[in-house]
N, C-alpha and C. Protein backbone atom coordinates (compact mmCIF):
# COMPACT_ATOMS: atom_id res chain seq x y z
N MET A 1 0.85 -1.17 0.00
CA MET A 1 0.00 0.00 0.00
C MET A 1 0.90 1.24 0.00
N ILE A 2 0.47 2.25 -0.74
CA ILE A 2 1.20 3.52 -0.75
C ILE A 2 0.21 4.65 -0.49
N LYS A 3 0.72 5.69 0.16
CA LYS A 3 -0.10 6.85 0.48
C LYS A 3 0.11 7.92 -0.58
N VAL A 4 -0.99 8.49 -1.08
CA VAL A 4 -0.94 9.57 -2.07
C VAL A 4 -1.86 10.69 -1.61
N THR A 5 -1.74 11.86 -2.26
CA THR A 5 -2.54 13.02 -1.91
C THR A 5 -3.38 13.45 -3.11
N ARG A 6 -4.69 13.48 -2.92
CA ARG A 6 -5.57 13.98 -3.98
C ARG A 6 -5.36 15.49 -4.15
N LEU A 7 -5.87 16.05 -5.20
CA LEU A 7 -5.70 17.49 -5.46
C LEU A 7 -6.38 18.34 -4.39
N ASN A 8 -7.40 17.80 -3.70
CA ASN A 8 -8.08 18.56 -2.65
C ASN A 8 -7.40 18.39 -1.29
N GLU A 9 -6.17 17.85 -1.28
CA GLU A 9 -5.34 17.66 -0.10
C GLU A 9 -5.74 16.46 0.76
N SER A 10 -6.77 15.71 0.40
CA SER A 10 -7.11 14.52 1.19
C SER A 10 -6.14 13.40 0.86
N GLU A 11 -5.80 12.62 1.88
CA GLU A 11 -4.88 11.51 1.69
C GLU A 11 -5.65 10.25 1.35
N LEU A 12 -5.01 9.42 0.57
CA LEU A 12 -5.61 8.18 0.12
C LEU A 12 -4.52 7.12 0.12
N VAL A 13 -4.87 5.91 0.53
CA VAL A 13 -3.93 4.81 0.48
C VAL A 13 -4.42 3.85 -0.59
N ILE A 14 -3.53 3.52 -1.53
CA ILE A 14 -3.93 2.62 -2.60
C ILE A 14 -3.05 1.38 -2.62
N ASN A 15 -3.59 0.32 -3.17
CA ASN A 15 -2.85 -0.93 -3.30
C ASN A 15 -1.90 -0.79 -4.48
N ALA A 16 -0.61 -0.79 -4.19
CA ALA A 16 0.40 -0.60 -5.23
C ALA A 16 0.35 -1.70 -6.28
N ASP A 17 -0.13 -2.89 -5.91
CA ASP A 17 -0.20 -3.99 -6.86
C ASP A 17 -1.29 -3.79 -7.90
N LEU A 18 -2.20 -2.85 -7.67
CA LEU A 18 -3.29 -2.61 -8.62
C LEU A 18 -2.98 -1.50 -9.62
N ILE A 19 -1.79 -0.89 -9.50
CA ILE A 19 -1.43 0.19 -10.42
C ILE A 19 -1.10 -0.41 -11.78
N GLU A 20 -1.83 0.04 -12.79
CA GLU A 20 -1.57 -0.42 -14.16
C GLU A 20 -0.57 0.51 -14.84
N PHE A 21 -0.81 1.83 -14.73
CA PHE A 21 0.16 2.79 -15.23
C PHE A 21 -0.07 4.15 -14.57
N VAL A 22 0.96 5.01 -14.68
CA VAL A 22 0.93 6.35 -14.10
C VAL A 22 1.32 7.31 -15.22
N GLU A 23 0.56 8.41 -15.35
CA GLU A 23 0.86 9.38 -16.39
C GLU A 23 0.75 10.80 -15.85
N ALA A 24 1.43 11.73 -16.49
CA ALA A 24 1.39 13.14 -16.10
C ALA A 24 0.87 13.93 -17.29
N ILE A 25 -0.30 14.59 -17.10
CA ILE A 25 -0.91 15.30 -18.25
C ILE A 25 -1.58 16.62 -17.87
N PRO A 26 -1.12 17.63 -17.23
CA PRO A 26 0.10 17.72 -16.43
C PRO A 26 -0.08 17.17 -15.01
N GLU A 27 -1.33 17.02 -14.52
CA GLU A 27 -1.51 16.40 -13.22
C GLU A 27 -1.15 14.92 -13.34
N THR A 28 -0.78 14.33 -12.23
CA THR A 28 -0.44 12.91 -12.24
C THR A 28 -1.72 12.11 -12.06
N ILE A 29 -1.90 11.12 -12.94
CA ILE A 29 -3.07 10.26 -12.87
C ILE A 29 -2.60 8.82 -12.75
N ILE A 30 -3.11 8.14 -11.72
CA ILE A 30 -2.83 6.72 -11.54
C ILE A 30 -4.03 5.96 -12.09
N SER A 31 -3.78 5.03 -13.00
CA SER A 31 -4.82 4.16 -13.52
C SER A 31 -4.65 2.79 -12.88
N LEU A 32 -5.72 2.28 -12.31
CA LEU A 32 -5.68 0.99 -11.63
C LEU A 32 -6.20 -0.10 -12.55
N THR A 33 -5.86 -1.33 -12.25
CA THR A 33 -6.33 -2.47 -13.04
C THR A 33 -7.84 -2.63 -12.94
N THR A 34 -8.45 -1.99 -11.96
CA THR A 34 -9.90 -2.06 -11.79
C THR A 34 -10.63 -1.11 -12.72
N GLY A 35 -9.88 -0.24 -13.42
CA GLY A 35 -10.48 0.74 -14.31
C GLY A 35 -10.61 2.11 -13.67
N LYS A 36 -10.41 2.21 -12.36
CA LYS A 36 -10.48 3.50 -11.69
C LYS A 36 -9.26 4.33 -12.01
N LYS A 37 -9.45 5.65 -12.03
CA LYS A 37 -8.36 6.60 -12.23
C LYS A 37 -8.36 7.57 -11.06
N ILE A 38 -7.17 7.88 -10.56
CA ILE A 38 -7.04 8.76 -9.40
C ILE A 38 -6.08 9.89 -9.77
N MET A 39 -6.53 11.14 -9.65
CA MET A 39 -5.68 12.30 -9.92
C MET A 39 -5.03 12.72 -8.60
N ILE A 40 -3.72 12.85 -8.61
CA ILE A 40 -2.98 13.11 -7.38
C ILE A 40 -1.97 14.24 -7.56
N LYS A 41 -1.42 14.70 -6.42
CA LYS A 41 -0.44 15.79 -6.43
C LYS A 41 0.99 15.32 -6.66
N GLU A 42 1.29 14.08 -6.28
CA GLU A 42 2.65 13.57 -6.38
C GLU A 42 3.06 13.44 -7.85
N THR A 43 4.36 13.46 -8.09
CA THR A 43 4.87 13.29 -9.45
C THR A 43 4.95 11.81 -9.80
N VAL A 44 5.13 11.54 -11.08
CA VAL A 44 5.31 10.16 -11.53
C VAL A 44 6.52 9.54 -10.83
N ASP A 45 7.61 10.30 -10.73
CA ASP A 45 8.82 9.79 -10.08
C ASP A 45 8.57 9.49 -8.60
N ASP A 46 7.76 10.31 -7.92
CA ASP A 46 7.40 10.04 -6.52
C ASP A 46 6.70 8.69 -6.41
N ILE A 47 5.77 8.43 -7.31
CA ILE A 47 5.01 7.19 -7.26
C ILE A 47 5.91 6.00 -7.55
N ILE A 48 6.79 6.13 -8.52
CA ILE A 48 7.74 5.05 -8.82
C ILE A 48 8.55 4.72 -7.57
N GLY A 49 9.04 5.75 -6.88
CA GLY A 49 9.83 5.54 -5.67
C GLY A 49 9.02 4.90 -4.56
N ARG A 50 7.79 5.32 -4.39
CA ARG A 50 6.95 4.75 -3.33
C ARG A 50 6.60 3.29 -3.60
N VAL A 51 6.33 2.99 -4.87
CA VAL A 51 6.02 1.59 -5.21
C VAL A 51 7.26 0.73 -5.02
N ALA A 52 8.42 1.22 -5.45
CA ALA A 52 9.67 0.47 -5.27
C ALA A 52 9.94 0.23 -3.79
N GLU A 53 9.75 1.25 -2.96
CA GLU A 53 9.96 1.11 -1.52
C GLU A 53 8.97 0.11 -0.93
N PHE A 54 7.71 0.18 -1.35
CA PHE A 54 6.70 -0.78 -0.88
C PHE A 54 7.12 -2.20 -1.23
N LYS A 55 7.60 -2.42 -2.45
CA LYS A 55 8.02 -3.75 -2.88
C LYS A 55 9.22 -4.22 -2.06
N ARG A 56 10.16 -3.31 -1.78
CA ARG A 56 11.33 -3.67 -0.95
C ARG A 56 10.90 -4.07 0.45
N ARG A 57 10.00 -3.28 1.04
CA ARG A 57 9.52 -3.59 2.40
C ARG A 57 8.76 -4.90 2.43
N SER A 58 8.11 -5.23 1.33
CA SER A 58 7.31 -6.45 1.25
C SER A 58 8.18 -7.67 0.95
N GLY A 59 9.45 -7.43 0.66
CA GLY A 59 10.34 -8.53 0.35
C GLY A 59 10.22 -9.01 -1.09
N ILE A 60 9.62 -8.21 -1.94
CA ILE A 60 9.46 -8.57 -3.34
C ILE A 60 10.69 -8.08 -4.10
N ARG A 61 11.35 -8.99 -4.79
CA ARG A 61 12.55 -8.62 -5.55
C ARG A 61 12.14 -8.02 -6.88
N ILE A 62 12.75 -6.91 -7.20
CA ILE A 62 12.47 -6.23 -8.46
C ILE A 62 13.71 -6.38 -9.34
N LYS A 63 13.54 -7.00 -10.50
CA LYS A 63 14.66 -7.16 -11.43
C LYS A 63 14.69 -5.97 -12.37
N SER A 64 15.89 -5.47 -12.63
CA SER A 64 16.01 -4.40 -13.60
C SER A 64 15.99 -5.04 -14.99
N PRO A 65 15.57 -4.29 -15.99
CA PRO A 65 15.46 -4.86 -17.35
C PRO A 65 16.77 -5.39 -17.89
N ASP A 66 17.91 -4.87 -17.40
CA ASP A 66 19.19 -5.30 -17.93
C ASP A 66 19.81 -6.44 -17.13
N THR A 67 19.07 -7.01 -16.16
CA THR A 67 19.59 -8.11 -15.36
C THR A 67 19.68 -9.37 -16.21
N GLN A 68 20.84 -10.00 -16.17
CA GLN A 68 21.04 -11.23 -16.93
C GLN A 68 20.64 -12.43 -16.07
N PRO A 69 20.08 -13.48 -16.68
CA PRO A 69 19.70 -14.67 -15.91
C PRO A 69 20.94 -15.35 -15.33
N GLU A 70 20.73 -16.02 -14.22
CA GLU A 70 21.81 -16.78 -13.59
C GLU A 70 22.22 -17.92 -14.54
N PRO A 71 23.48 -18.39 -14.47
CA PRO A 71 23.91 -19.47 -15.37
C PRO A 71 23.10 -20.76 -15.22
N ASN A 72 22.54 -21.02 -14.02
CA ASN A 72 21.78 -22.25 -13.80
C ASN A 72 20.32 -22.11 -14.27
N GLY A 73 19.98 -20.98 -14.92
CA GLY A 73 18.64 -20.78 -15.45
C GLY A 73 17.69 -20.05 -14.54
N SER A 74 18.13 -19.60 -13.35
CA SER A 74 17.23 -18.89 -12.42
C SER A 74 17.18 -17.43 -12.74
């Protein structure tokens, strides 16, 4: 879960696993896999950082796109 701020200053906690994509047009909009869209004050980079931190705290390993597979196939 990550905490975000709506444009009216109210705080909202969303399930980071439901984020489908984040865009800035110019406000930041989070689109969820449920079809809901949430307009927030944070930047796209803020959301990326919060999701990454949430995944780290949850013990979920995030592979970078340039990570090579282990020699044993893992």
